[in-house]
Full PDB file with SEQRES, HELIX, SHEET, SSBOND, CRYST1, ORIGX, SCALE, CONECT and MASTER records, all heavy atoms in Angstrom:
SEQRES   1 A   35  LEU THR GLU ASN ASP PHE LYS GLU LEU LYS THR GLU LEU          
SEQRES   2 A   35  LEU THR ILE SER VAL GLN ALA GLY THR GLU LEU ALA GLN          
SEQRES   3 A   35  VAL LEU VAL TYR ALA ASP LEU ALA SER                          
HELIX    1 AA1 GLU A    3  LYS A   10  1                                   8    
HELIX    2 AA2 LEU A   24  TYR A   30  1                                   7    
CRYST1    1.000    1.000    1.000  90.00  90.00  90.00 P 1           1          
ORIGX1      1.000000  0.000000  0.000000        0.00000                         
ORIGX2      0.000000  1.000000  0.000000        0.00000                         
ORIGX3      0.000000  0.000000  1.000000        0.00000                         
SCALE1      1.000000  0.000000  0.000000        0.00000                         
SCALE2      0.000000  1.000000  0.000000        0.00000                         
SCALE3      0.000000  0.000000  1.000000        0.00000                         
ATOM      1  N   LEU A   1       0.833  -1.203   0.000  1.00  0.00           N  
ATOM      2  CA  LEU A   1       0.000   0.000   0.000  1.00  0.00           C  
ATOM      3  C   LEU A   1       0.869   1.255   0.000  1.00  0.00           C  
ATOM      4  O   LEU A   1       1.907   1.312   0.657  1.00  0.00           O  
ATOM      5  CB  LEU A   1      -0.921   0.021   1.219  1.00  0.00           C  
ATOM      6  CG  LEU A   1      -1.978  -1.088   1.300  1.00  0.00           C  
ATOM      7  CD1 LEU A   1      -2.799  -0.929   2.575  1.00  0.00           C  
ATOM      8  CD2 LEU A   1      -2.886  -1.075   0.079  1.00  0.00           C  
ATOM      9  N   THR A   2       0.430   2.252  -0.747  1.00  0.00           N  
ATOM     10  CA  THR A   2       1.147   3.519  -0.837  1.00  0.00           C  
ATOM     11  C   THR A   2       0.422   4.584  -0.020  1.00  0.00           C  
ATOM     12  O   THR A   2      -0.681   4.365   0.487  1.00  0.00           O  
ATOM     13  CB  THR A   2       1.220   3.985  -2.301  1.00  0.00           C  
ATOM     14  OG1 THR A   2      -0.122   4.282  -2.748  1.00  0.00           O  
ATOM     15  CG2 THR A   2       1.828   2.904  -3.191  1.00  0.00           C  
ATOM     16  N   GLU A   3       1.044   5.741   0.073  1.00  0.00           N  
ATOM     17  CA  GLU A   3       0.419   6.859   0.794  1.00  0.00           C  
ATOM     18  C   GLU A   3      -0.917   7.224   0.160  1.00  0.00           C  
ATOM     19  O   GLU A   3      -1.882   7.543   0.862  1.00  0.00           O  
ATOM     20  CB  GLU A   3       1.359   8.069   0.792  1.00  0.00           C  
ATOM     21  CG  GLU A   3       0.896   9.182   1.712  1.00  0.00           C  
ATOM     22  CD  GLU A   3       1.947  10.259   1.897  1.00  0.00           C  
ATOM     23  OE1 GLU A   3       3.106  10.028   1.520  1.00  0.00           O  
ATOM     24  OE2 GLU A   3       1.592  11.324   2.427  1.00  0.00           O  
ATOM     25  N   ASN A   4      -1.003   7.186  -1.175  1.00  0.00           N  
ATOM     26  CA  ASN A   4      -2.273   7.483  -1.853  1.00  0.00           C  
ATOM     27  C   ASN A   4      -3.344   6.448  -1.527  1.00  0.00           C  
ATOM     28  O   ASN A   4      -4.531   6.789  -1.426  1.00  0.00           O  
ATOM     29  CB  ASN A   4      -2.059   7.556  -3.367  1.00  0.00           C  
ATOM     30  CG  ASN A   4      -1.370   8.837  -3.792  1.00  0.00           C  
ATOM     31  OD1 ASN A   4      -1.451   9.849  -3.108  1.00  0.00           O  
ATOM     32  ND2 ASN A   4      -0.685   8.801  -4.925  1.00  0.00           N  
ATOM     33  N   ASP A   5      -2.928   5.186  -1.384  1.00  0.00           N  
ATOM     34  CA  ASP A   5      -3.889   4.145  -1.013  1.00  0.00           C  
ATOM     35  C   ASP A   5      -4.467   4.428   0.366  1.00  0.00           C  
ATOM     36  O   ASP A   5      -5.677   4.267   0.598  1.00  0.00           O  
ATOM     37  CB  ASP A   5      -3.216   2.770  -1.017  1.00  0.00           C  
ATOM     38  CG  ASP A   5      -2.784   2.331  -2.405  1.00  0.00           C  
ATOM     39  OD1 ASP A   5      -3.465   2.697  -3.379  1.00  0.00           O  
ATOM     40  OD2 ASP A   5      -1.762   1.620  -2.514  1.00  0.00           O  
ATOM     41  N   PHE A   6      -3.613   4.859   1.280  1.00  0.00           N  
ATOM     42  CA  PHE A   6      -4.101   5.179   2.625  1.00  0.00           C  
ATOM     43  C   PHE A   6      -5.018   6.400   2.604  1.00  0.00           C  
ATOM     44  O   PHE A   6      -5.963   6.494   3.394  1.00  0.00           O  
ATOM     45  CB  PHE A   6      -2.932   5.389   3.586  1.00  0.00           C  
ATOM     46  CG  PHE A   6      -2.265   4.113   4.013  1.00  0.00           C  
ATOM     47  CD1 PHE A   6      -0.969   3.822   3.631  1.00  0.00           C  
ATOM     48  CD2 PHE A   6      -2.949   3.190   4.789  1.00  0.00           C  
ATOM     49  CE1 PHE A   6      -0.356   2.637   4.020  1.00  0.00           C  
ATOM     50  CE2 PHE A   6      -2.348   2.000   5.185  1.00  0.00           C  
ATOM     51  CZ  PHE A   6      -1.046   1.721   4.798  1.00  0.00           C  
ATOM     52  N   LYS A   7      -4.763   7.346   1.707  1.00  0.00           N  
ATOM     53  CA  LYS A   7      -5.658   8.497   1.564  1.00  0.00           C  
ATOM     54  C   LYS A   7      -7.046   8.036   1.142  1.00  0.00           C  
ATOM     55  O   LYS A   7      -8.058   8.569   1.600  1.00  0.00           O  
ATOM     56  CB  LYS A   7      -5.087   9.480   0.539  1.00  0.00           C  
ATOM     57  CG  LYS A   7      -3.921  10.306   1.053  1.00  0.00           C  
ATOM     58  CD  LYS A   7      -3.432  11.279  -0.018  1.00  0.00           C  
ATOM     59  CE  LYS A   7      -2.272  12.106   0.491  1.00  0.00           C  
ATOM     60  NZ  LYS A   7      -1.752  13.036  -0.558  1.00  0.00           N  
ATOM     61  N   GLU A   8      -7.084   7.048   0.240  1.00  0.00           N  
ATOM     62  CA  GLU A   8      -8.362   6.480  -0.192  1.00  0.00           C  
ATOM     63  C   GLU A   8      -9.062   5.813   0.990  1.00  0.00           C  
ATOM     64  O   GLU A   8     -10.276   5.963   1.187  1.00  0.00           O  
ATOM     65  CB  GLU A   8      -8.125   5.458  -1.304  1.00  0.00           C  
ATOM     66  CG  GLU A   8      -9.383   4.951  -1.974  1.00  0.00           C  
ATOM     67  CD  GLU A   8      -9.857   5.838  -3.107  1.00  0.00           C  
ATOM     68  OE1 GLU A   8      -9.034   6.214  -3.970  1.00  0.00           O  
ATOM     69  OE2 GLU A   8     -11.060   6.157  -3.115  1.00  0.00           O  
ATOM     70  N   LEU A   9      -8.280   5.104   1.799  1.00  0.00           N  
ATOM     71  CA  LEU A   9      -8.850   4.417   2.962  1.00  0.00           C  
ATOM     72  C   LEU A   9      -9.431   5.393   3.988  1.00  0.00           C  
ATOM     73  O   LEU A   9     -10.404   5.082   4.672  1.00  0.00           O  
ATOM     74  CB  LEU A   9      -7.791   3.554   3.641  1.00  0.00           C  
ATOM     75  CG  LEU A   9      -7.684   2.085   3.242  1.00  0.00           C  
ATOM     76  CD1 LEU A   9      -6.647   1.378   4.092  1.00  0.00           C  
ATOM     77  CD2 LEU A   9      -9.034   1.386   3.354  1.00  0.00           C  
ATOM     78  N   LYS A  10      -8.824   6.580   4.075  1.00  0.00           N  
ATOM     79  CA  LYS A  10      -9.304   7.573   5.041  1.00  0.00           C  
ATOM     80  C   LYS A  10     -10.749   7.966   4.779  1.00  0.00           C  
ATOM     81  O   LYS A  10     -11.469   8.368   5.694  1.00  0.00           O  
ATOM     82  CB  LYS A  10      -8.423   8.829   4.997  1.00  0.00           C  
ATOM     83  CG  LYS A  10      -7.101   8.695   5.719  1.00  0.00           C  
ATOM     84  CD  LYS A  10      -6.339  10.018   5.673  1.00  0.00           C  
ATOM     85  CE  LYS A  10      -4.975   9.901   6.336  1.00  0.00           C  
ATOM     86  NZ  LYS A  10      -4.239  11.169   6.289  1.00  0.00           N  
ATOM     87  N   THR A  11     -11.184   7.866   3.545  1.00  0.00           N  
ATOM     88  CA  THR A  11     -12.563   8.224   3.219  1.00  0.00           C  
ATOM     89  C   THR A  11     -13.537   7.120   3.607  1.00  0.00           C  
ATOM     90  O   THR A  11     -14.752   7.341   3.603  1.00  0.00           O  
ATOM     91  CB  THR A  11     -12.714   8.530   1.715  1.00  0.00           C  
ATOM     92  OG1 THR A  11     -12.495   7.321   0.963  1.00  0.00           O  
ATOM     93  CG2 THR A  11     -11.708   9.573   1.258  1.00  0.00           C  
ATOM     94  N   GLU A  12     -13.016   5.937   3.933  1.00  0.00           N  
ATOM     95  CA  GLU A  12     -13.883   4.790   4.193  1.00  0.00           C  
ATOM     96  C   GLU A  12     -13.835   4.295   5.635  1.00  0.00           C  
ATOM     97  O   GLU A  12     -14.822   3.785   6.151  1.00  0.00           O  
ATOM     98  CB  GLU A  12     -13.506   3.618   3.266  1.00  0.00           C  
ATOM     99  CG  GLU A  12     -13.510   3.961   1.792  1.00  0.00           C  
ATOM    100  CD  GLU A  12     -14.857   4.476   1.316  1.00  0.00           C  
ATOM    101  OE1 GLU A  12     -15.892   4.056   1.871  1.00  0.00           O  
ATOM    102  OE2 GLU A  12     -14.890   5.312   0.407  1.00  0.00           O  
ATOM    103  N   LEU A  13     -12.676   4.405   6.280  1.00  0.00           N  
ATOM    104  CA  LEU A  13     -12.512   3.852   7.620  1.00  0.00           C  
ATOM    105  C   LEU A  13     -12.427   4.954   8.670  1.00  0.00           C  
ATOM    106  O   LEU A  13     -11.948   6.057   8.384  1.00  0.00           O  
ATOM    107  CB  LEU A  13     -11.229   3.008   7.700  1.00  0.00           C  
ATOM    108  CG  LEU A  13     -11.117   1.799   6.763  1.00  0.00           C  
ATOM    109  CD1 LEU A  13      -9.790   1.089   6.994  1.00  0.00           C  
ATOM    110  CD2 LEU A  13     -12.278   0.846   6.955  1.00  0.00           C  
ATOM    111  N   LEU A  14     -12.886   4.647   9.860  1.00  0.00           N  
ATOM    112  CA  LEU A  14     -12.657   5.545  10.984  1.00  0.00           C  
ATOM    113  C   LEU A  14     -11.150   5.725  11.136  1.00  0.00           C  
ATOM    114  O   LEU A  14     -10.397   4.748  11.175  1.00  0.00           O  
ATOM    115  CB  LEU A  14     -13.245   4.951  12.268  1.00  0.00           C  
ATOM    116  CG  LEU A  14     -12.909   5.692  13.560  1.00  0.00           C  
ATOM    117  CD1 LEU A  14     -13.536   7.079  13.558  1.00  0.00           C  
ATOM    118  CD2 LEU A  14     -13.380   4.902  14.769  1.00  0.00           C  
ATOM    119  N   THR A  15     -10.701   6.977  11.187  1.00  0.00           N  
ATOM    120  CA  THR A  15      -9.270   7.263  11.244  1.00  0.00           C  
ATOM    121  C   THR A  15      -8.942   8.008  12.531  1.00  0.00           C  
ATOM    122  O   THR A  15      -9.606   8.989  12.875  1.00  0.00           O  
ATOM    123  CB  THR A  15      -8.835   8.109  10.036  1.00  0.00           C  
ATOM    124  OG1 THR A  15      -9.164   7.407   8.825  1.00  0.00           O  
ATOM    125  CG2 THR A  15      -7.336   8.358  10.055  1.00  0.00           C  
ATOM    126  N   ILE A  16      -7.929   7.517  13.230  1.00  0.00           N  
ATOM    127  CA  ILE A  16      -7.464   8.182  14.444  1.00  0.00           C  
ATOM    128  C   ILE A  16      -5.976   8.486  14.309  1.00  0.00           C  
ATOM    129  O   ILE A  16      -5.290   7.888  13.473  1.00  0.00           O  
ATOM    130  CB  ILE A  16      -7.717   7.325  15.703  1.00  0.00           C  
ATOM    131  CG1 ILE A  16      -6.895   6.023  15.639  1.00  0.00           C  
ATOM    132  CG2 ILE A  16      -9.196   7.031  15.861  1.00  0.00           C  
ATOM    133  CD1 ILE A  16      -6.873   5.254  16.940  1.00  0.00           C  
ATOM    134  N   SER A  17      -5.487   9.396  15.107  1.00  0.00           N  
ATOM    135  CA  SER A  17      -4.071   9.754  15.098  1.00  0.00           C  
ATOM    136  C   SER A  17      -3.484   9.496  16.479  1.00  0.00           C  
ATOM    137  O   SER A  17      -4.057   9.919  17.491  1.00  0.00           O  
ATOM    138  CB  SER A  17      -3.896  11.233  14.725  1.00  0.00           C  
ATOM    139  OG  SER A  17      -4.414  11.493  13.439  1.00  0.00           O  
ATOM    140  N   VAL A  18      -2.343   8.797  16.509  1.00  0.00           N  
ATOM    141  CA  VAL A  18      -1.681   8.501  17.781  1.00  0.00           C  
ATOM    142  C   VAL A  18      -0.173   8.635  17.628  1.00  0.00           C  
ATOM    143  O   VAL A  18       0.353   8.647  16.510  1.00  0.00           O  
ATOM    144  CB  VAL A  18      -2.008   7.069  18.288  1.00  0.00           C  
ATOM    145  CG1 VAL A  18      -3.502   6.870  18.458  1.00  0.00           C  
ATOM    146  CG2 VAL A  18      -1.420   6.015  17.355  1.00  0.00           C  
ATOM    147  N   GLN A  19       0.498   8.701  18.735  1.00  0.00           N  
ATOM    148  CA  GLN A  19       1.954   8.705  18.742  1.00  0.00           C  
ATOM    149  C   GLN A  19       2.469   7.275  18.910  1.00  0.00           C  
ATOM    150  O   GLN A  19       1.786   6.416  19.463  1.00  0.00           O  
ATOM    151  CB  GLN A  19       2.487   9.562  19.885  1.00  0.00           C  
ATOM    152  CG  GLN A  19       2.204  11.048  19.726  1.00  0.00           C  
ATOM    153  CD  GLN A  19       2.753  11.861  20.875  1.00  0.00           C  
ATOM    154  OE1 GLN A  19       2.748  11.410  22.015  1.00  0.00           O  
ATOM    155  NE2 GLN A  19       3.243  13.060  20.569  1.00  0.00           N  
ATOM    156  N   ALA A  20       3.663   7.029  18.411  1.00  0.00           N  
ATOM    157  CA  ALA A  20       4.294   5.734  18.609  1.00  0.00           C  
ATOM    158  C   ALA A  20       4.465   5.487  20.103  1.00  0.00           C  
ATOM    159  O   ALA A  20       4.774   6.409  20.869  1.00  0.00           O  
ATOM    160  CB  ALA A  20       5.648   5.690  17.908  1.00  0.00           C  
ATOM    161  N   GLY A  21       4.253   4.246  20.515  1.00  0.00           N  
ATOM    162  CA  GLY A  21       4.372   3.898  21.920  1.00  0.00           C  
ATOM    163  C   GLY A  21       3.059   3.943  22.667  1.00  0.00           C  
ATOM    164  O   GLY A  21       3.005   3.606  23.856  1.00  0.00           O  
ATOM    165  N   THR A  22       1.966   4.352  21.988  1.00  0.00           N  
ATOM    166  CA  THR A  22       0.662   4.392  22.651  1.00  0.00           C  
ATOM    167  C   THR A  22       0.211   2.970  22.996  1.00  0.00           C  
ATOM    168  O   THR A  22       0.385   2.040  22.207  1.00  0.00           O  
ATOM    169  CB  THR A  22      -0.389   5.061  21.736  1.00  0.00           C  
ATOM    170  OG1 THR A  22       0.048   6.382  21.408  1.00  0.00           O  
ATOM    171  CG2 THR A  22      -1.744   5.135  22.433  1.00  0.00           C  
ATOM    172  N   GLU A  23      -0.367   2.809  24.164  1.00  0.00           N  
ATOM    173  CA  GLU A  23      -0.839   1.501  24.608  1.00  0.00           C  
ATOM    174  C   GLU A  23      -1.901   0.975  23.641  1.00  0.00           C  
ATOM    175  O   GLU A  23      -2.838   1.689  23.252  1.00  0.00           O  
ATOM    176  CB  GLU A  23      -1.434   1.617  26.012  1.00  0.00           C  
ATOM    177  CG  GLU A  23      -1.883   0.301  26.600  1.00  0.00           C  
ATOM    178  CD  GLU A  23      -2.601   0.481  27.934  1.00  0.00           C  
ATOM    179  OE1 GLU A  23      -2.834   1.642  28.335  1.00  0.00           O  
ATOM    180  OE2 GLU A  23      -2.930  -0.538  28.557  1.00  0.00           O  
ATOM    181  N   LEU A  24      -1.765  -0.276  23.231  1.00  0.00           N  
ATOM    182  CA  LEU A  24      -2.679  -0.867  22.255  1.00  0.00           C  
ATOM    183  C   LEU A  24      -4.125  -0.870  22.751  1.00  0.00           C  
ATOM    184  O   LEU A  24      -5.053  -0.615  21.977  1.00  0.00           O  
ATOM    185  CB  LEU A  24      -2.248  -2.295  21.925  1.00  0.00           C  
ATOM    186  CG  LEU A  24      -1.227  -2.448  20.800  1.00  0.00           C  
ATOM    187  CD1 LEU A  24      -0.702  -3.873  20.747  1.00  0.00           C  
ATOM    188  CD2 LEU A  24      -1.854  -2.056  19.471  1.00  0.00           C  
ATOM    189  N   ALA A  25      -4.323  -1.159  24.028  1.00  0.00           N  
ATOM    190  CA  ALA A  25      -5.677  -1.157  24.568  1.00  0.00           C  
ATOM    191  C   ALA A  25      -6.327   0.209  24.406  1.00  0.00           C  
ATOM    192  O   ALA A  25      -7.509   0.318  24.067  1.00  0.00           O  
ATOM    193  CB  ALA A  25      -5.655  -1.568  26.039  1.00  0.00           C  
ATOM    194  N   GLN A  26      -5.540   1.270  24.601  1.00  0.00           N  
ATOM    195  CA  GLN A  26      -6.065   2.626  24.441  1.00  0.00           C  
ATOM    196  C   GLN A  26      -6.359   2.924  22.970  1.00  0.00           C  
ATOM    197  O   GLN A  26      -7.358   3.572  22.642  1.00  0.00           O  
ATOM    198  CB  GLN A  26      -5.065   3.641  24.984  1.00  0.00           C  
ATOM    199  CG  GLN A  26      -5.590   5.067  24.995  1.00  0.00           C  
ATOM    200  CD  GLN A  26      -6.760   5.228  25.951  1.00  0.00           C  
ATOM    201  OE1 GLN A  26      -6.608   5.136  27.154  1.00  0.00           O  
ATOM    202  NE2 GLN A  26      -7.956   5.465  25.406  1.00  0.00           N  
ATOM    203  N   VAL A  27      -5.498   2.442  22.083  1.00  0.00           N  
ATOM    204  CA  VAL A  27      -5.714   2.624  20.642  1.00  0.00           C  
ATOM    205  C   VAL A  27      -7.038   1.990  20.214  1.00  0.00           C  
ATOM    206  O   VAL A  27      -7.817   2.578  19.449  1.00  0.00           O  
ATOM    207  CB  VAL A  27      -4.547   2.025  19.830  1.00  0.00           C  
ATOM    208  CG1 VAL A  27      -4.867   2.065  18.338  1.00  0.00           C  
ATOM    209  CG2 VAL A  27      -3.255   2.769  20.116  1.00  0.00           C  
ATOM    210  N   LEU A  28      -7.316   0.797  20.717  1.00  0.00           N  
ATOM    211  CA  LEU A  28      -8.559   0.104  20.358  1.00  0.00           C  
ATOM    212  C   LEU A  28      -9.780   0.891  20.818  1.00  0.00           C  
ATOM    213  O   LEU A  28     -10.799   0.947  20.124  1.00  0.00           O  
ATOM    214  CB  LEU A  28      -8.578  -1.296  20.964  1.00  0.00           C  
ATOM    215  CG  LEU A  28      -7.518  -2.277  20.460  1.00  0.00           C  
ATOM    216  CD1 LEU A  28      -7.695  -3.635  21.127  1.00  0.00           C  
ATOM    217  CD2 LEU A  28      -7.574  -2.425  18.949  1.00  0.00           C  
ATOM    218  N   VAL A  29      -9.686   1.517  21.965  1.00  0.00           N  
ATOM    219  CA  VAL A  29     -10.797   2.332  22.462  1.00  0.00           C  
ATOM    220  C   VAL A  29     -10.964   3.574  21.584  1.00  0.00           C  
ATOM    221  O   VAL A  29     -12.084   3.925  21.185  1.00  0.00           O  
ATOM    222  CB  VAL A  29     -10.575   2.735  23.935  1.00  0.00           C  
ATOM    223  CG1 VAL A  29     -11.664   3.707  24.399  1.00  0.00           C  
ATOM    224  CG2 VAL A  29     -10.562   1.494  24.826  1.00  0.00           C  
ATOM    225  N   TYR A  30      -9.845   4.254  21.297  1.00  0.00           N  
ATOM    226  CA  TYR A  30      -9.902   5.438  20.426  1.00  0.00           C  
ATOM    227  C   TYR A  30     -10.544   5.096  19.074  1.00  0.00           C  
ATOM    228  O   TYR A  30     -11.267   5.897  18.483  1.00  0.00           O  
ATOM    229  CB  TYR A  30      -8.492   5.977  20.167  1.00  0.00           C  
ATOM    230  CG  TYR A  30      -7.842   6.683  21.343  1.00  0.00           C  
ATOM    231  CD1 TYR A  30      -6.453   6.729  21.449  1.00  0.00           C  
ATOM    232  CD2 TYR A  30      -8.592   7.313  22.322  1.00  0.00           C  
ATOM    233  CE1 TYR A  30      -5.828   7.379  22.510  1.00  0.00           C  
ATOM    234  CE2 TYR A  30      -7.987   7.964  23.391  1.00  0.00           C  
ATOM    235  CZ  TYR A  30      -6.601   7.985  23.477  1.00  0.00           C  
ATOM    236  OH  TYR A  30      -5.994   8.619  24.538  1.00  0.00           O  
ATOM    237  N   ALA A  31     -10.231   3.883  18.557  1.00  0.00           N  
ATOM    238  CA  ALA A  31     -10.675   3.481  17.219  1.00  0.00           C  
ATOM    239  C   ALA A  31     -12.056   2.823  17.228  1.00  0.00           C  
ATOM    240  O   ALA A  31     -12.501   2.302  16.196  1.00  0.00           O  
ATOM    241  CB  ALA A  31      -9.661   2.521  16.609  1.00  0.00           C  
ATOM    242  N   ASP A  32     -12.733   2.872  18.374  1.00  0.00           N  
ATOM    243  CA  ASP A  32     -14.067   2.258  18.507  1.00  0.00           C  
ATOM    244  C   ASP A  32     -14.053   0.759  18.224  1.00  0.00           C  
ATOM    245  O   ASP A  32     -15.076   0.185  17.812  1.00  0.00           O  
ATOM    246  CB  ASP A  32     -15.089   2.943  17.584  1.00  0.00           C  
ATOM    247  CG  ASP A  32     -15.512   4.305  18.105  1.00  0.00           C  
ATOM    248  OD1 ASP A  32     -15.256   4.588  19.296  1.00  0.00           O  
ATOM    249  OD2 ASP A  32     -16.089   5.079  17.325  1.00  0.00           O  
ATOM    250  N   LEU A  33     -12.919   0.125  18.431  1.00  0.00           N  
ATOM    251  CA  LEU A  33     -12.827  -1.327  18.275  1.00  0.00           C  
ATOM    252  C   LEU A  33     -13.059  -2.034  19.610  1.00  0.00           C  
ATOM    253  O   LEU A  33     -13.151  -3.260  19.670  1.00  0.00           O  
ATOM    254  CB  LEU A  33     -11.459  -1.726  17.711  1.00  0.00           C  
ATOM    255  CG  LEU A  33     -11.147  -1.204  16.307  1.00  0.00           C  
ATOM    256  CD1 LEU A  33      -9.737  -1.584  15.888  1.00  0.00           C  
ATOM    257  CD2 LEU A  33     -12.156  -1.735  15.295  1.00  0.00           C  
ATOM    258  N   ALA A  34     -13.144  -1.256  20.668  1.00  0.00           N  
ATOM    259  CA  ALA A  34     -13.467  -1.771  22.000  1.00  0.00           C  
ATOM    260  C   ALA A  34     -14.150  -0.655  22.768  1.00  0.00           C  
ATOM    261  O   ALA A  34     -13.854   0.532  22.567  1.00  0.00           O  
ATOM    262  CB  ALA A  34     -12.210  -2.234  22.735  1.00  0.00           C  
ATOM    263  N   SER A  35     -15.053  -1.033  23.651  1.00  0.00           N  
ATOM    264  CA  SER A  35     -15.807  -0.027  24.408  1.00  0.00           C  
ATOM    265  C   SER A  35     -15.051   0.459  25.635  1.00  0.00           C  
ATOM    266  O   SER A  35     -15.380   1.505  26.198  1.00  0.00           O  
ATOM    267  CB  SER A  35     -17.164  -0.601  24.826  1.00  0.00           C  
ATOM    268  OG  SER A  35     -16.988  -1.765  25.621  1.00  0.00           O  
TER     269      SER A  35                                                      
MASTER        0    0    0    2    0    0    0    6  268    1    0    3          
END                                                                             
């Protein structure tokens, strides 16, 4: 996948922004993949 492919994905998927090192459990909550 290229940067342009990810731009296309941004129009379809919930997109969140995080810093490297963020706890995975917190990422899942931010991304609505866990409550």
